[in-house]
Amino acid sequence: MRYNTYMQSREEALAKLARSRFRSSFHLNEEDRAYIREKGLDVIRRHAEDFVRERLAPARIANDSRQTPMKGHPVFKAQHATACCCRGCLYKWYRVKEHTALSDSQQEKIVALLMAWIEKEMKEST
Protein backbone atom coordinates (compact mmCIF):
# COMPACT_ATOMS: atom_id res chain seq x y z
CA MET A 1 0.00 0.00 0.00
CA ARG A 2 1.42 3.38 -0.96
CA TYR A 3 0.61 6.66 0.80
CA ASN A 4 1.02 8.78 -2.31
CA THR A 5 3.86 9.30 -4.73
CA TYR A 6 6.27 9.95 -1.85
CA MET A 7 4.90 8.22 1.25
CA GLN A 8 6.19 4.76 1.90
CA SER A 9 4.38 1.74 3.32
CA ARG A 10 3.67 1.57 7.06
CA GLU A 11 6.41 -0.99 7.52
CA GLU A 12 8.94 1.11 5.61
CA ALA A 13 7.93 4.22 7.54
CA LEU A 14 8.22 2.50 10.94
CA ALA A 15 11.65 1.11 10.03
CA LYS A 16 12.87 4.54 8.91
CA LEU A 17 11.45 6.22 12.04
CA ALA A 18 13.19 3.65 14.25
CA ARG A 19 16.53 4.92 12.90
CA SER A 20 15.79 8.48 14.07
CA ARG A 21 17.12 9.23 17.55
CA PHE A 22 14.34 11.77 18.16
CA ARG A 23 11.42 9.77 16.71
CA SER A 24 12.52 6.54 18.38
CA SER A 25 12.68 8.25 21.78
CA PHE A 26 8.88 8.25 22.08
CA HIS A 27 7.27 5.34 23.92
CA LEU A 28 4.01 4.64 25.66
CA ASN A 29 4.30 4.66 29.44
CA GLU A 30 2.22 2.49 31.75
CA GLU A 31 -0.42 5.20 32.13
CA ASP A 32 -0.81 5.35 28.33
CA ARG A 33 -1.06 1.56 28.11
CA ALA A 34 -3.67 1.43 30.88
CA TYR A 35 -5.69 4.11 29.08
CA ILE A 36 -5.55 2.13 25.83
CA ARG A 37 -6.56 -1.09 27.59
CA GLU A 38 -9.45 0.71 29.33
CA LYS A 39 -10.76 2.43 26.19
CA GLY A 40 -9.89 -0.22 23.62
CA LEU A 41 -8.19 0.20 20.26
CA ASP A 42 -11.42 1.11 18.45
CA VAL A 43 -11.89 4.17 20.68
CA ILE A 44 -8.22 5.11 20.36
CA ARG A 45 -8.58 4.87 16.55
CA ARG A 46 -11.58 7.24 16.69
CA HIS A 47 -9.53 9.65 18.79
CA ALA A 48 -6.72 9.45 16.21
CA GLU A 49 -9.20 10.09 13.39
CA ASP A 50 -10.56 13.13 15.23
CA PHE A 51 -7.11 14.54 16.00
CA VAL A 52 -5.91 14.10 12.42
CA ARG A 53 -9.11 15.56 10.94
CA GLU A 54 -9.22 18.55 13.28
CA ARG A 55 -5.54 19.33 13.92
CA LEU A 56 -3.66 18.10 10.86
CA ALA A 57 -5.93 17.86 7.82
CA PRO A 58 -6.90 21.51 7.22
CA ALA A 59 -4.94 23.40 4.57
CA ARG A 60 -4.20 26.21 7.02
CA ILE A 61 -3.52 25.54 10.69
CA ALA A 62 -3.21 28.60 12.89
CA ASN A 63 -0.69 27.07 15.27
CA ASP A 64 1.01 24.61 12.92
CA SER A 65 4.08 22.98 14.46
CA ARG A 66 2.62 23.57 17.93
CA GLN A 67 -0.78 21.88 17.66
CA THR A 68 0.26 18.47 18.97
CA PRO A 69 1.23 18.24 22.64
CA MET A 70 4.13 15.96 23.57
CA LYS A 71 2.03 14.16 26.19
CA GLY A 72 -1.50 13.87 27.50
CA HIS A 73 -2.85 11.22 25.10
CA PRO A 74 -1.25 8.12 23.54
CA VAL A 75 -2.13 9.39 20.06
CA PHE A 76 -0.09 12.55 20.65
CA LYS A 77 2.98 10.42 21.39
CA ALA A 78 2.25 8.33 18.30
CA GLN A 79 2.02 11.48 16.20
CA HIS A 80 5.47 12.63 17.32
CA ALA A 81 6.96 9.13 17.02
CA THR A 82 5.68 8.82 13.45
CA ALA A 83 6.36 12.41 12.32
CA CYS A 84 2.62 13.01 11.87
CA CYS A 85 2.51 15.83 14.40
CA CYS A 86 2.43 18.85 12.07
CA ARG A 87 2.40 19.66 8.39
CA GLY A 88 6.11 20.52 8.43
CA CYS A 89 6.99 17.03 9.67
CA LEU A 90 4.56 15.43 7.22
CA TYR A 91 6.34 17.25 4.41
CA LYS A 92 9.85 16.51 5.68
CA TRP A 93 9.25 12.80 6.24
CA TYR A 94 6.59 11.95 3.63
CA ARG A 95 6.56 14.86 1.17
CA VAL A 96 2.89 15.61 1.87
CA LYS A 97 2.25 19.09 0.52
CA GLU A 98 1.89 21.84 3.08
CA HIS A 99 -1.00 24.33 2.85
CA THR A 100 -3.18 21.77 1.06
CA ALA A 101 -6.02 19.98 2.84
CA LEU A 102 -5.36 16.30 3.43
CA SER A 103 -7.61 13.98 1.45
CA ASP A 104 -9.72 11.36 3.20
CA SER A 105 -7.32 8.73 1.89
CA GLN A 106 -4.27 10.54 3.29
CA GLN A 107 -6.00 10.91 6.65
CA GLU A 108 -6.85 7.20 6.71
CA LYS A 109 -3.25 6.27 5.94
CA ILE A 110 -1.91 8.56 8.67
CA VAL A 111 -4.34 7.05 11.18
CA ALA A 112 -3.27 3.55 10.07
CA LEU A 113 0.38 4.48 10.69
CA LEU A 114 -0.45 5.93 14.12
CA MET A 115 -2.36 2.80 15.06
CA ALA A 116 0.42 0.53 13.78
CA TRP A 117 2.88 2.36 16.05
CA ILE A 118 0.49 2.14 19.03
CA GLU A 119 -0.16 -1.56 18.46
CA LYS A 120 3.59 -2.22 18.18
CA GLU A 121 4.18 -0.36 21.44
CA MET A 122 1.40 -2.32 23.17
CA LYS A 123 2.91 -5.64 22.01
CA GLU A 124 6.36 -4.64 23.22
CA SER A 125 5.00 -3.98 26.71
CA THR A 126 3.69 -7.50 27.20
Foldseek 3Di string as FASTA:
>chain_A
DALPPFGDALVVLLVVLCPDPQLVVFADDPVQLVVCVVVDLVVLLVVLLVCCQPQEFALDHPPFPPRQDCDDHLLSSLCSSRLNNGVVSCCVRGVDDHSHGDDPSNSVRSSVSSSVVVVVRSVVVD
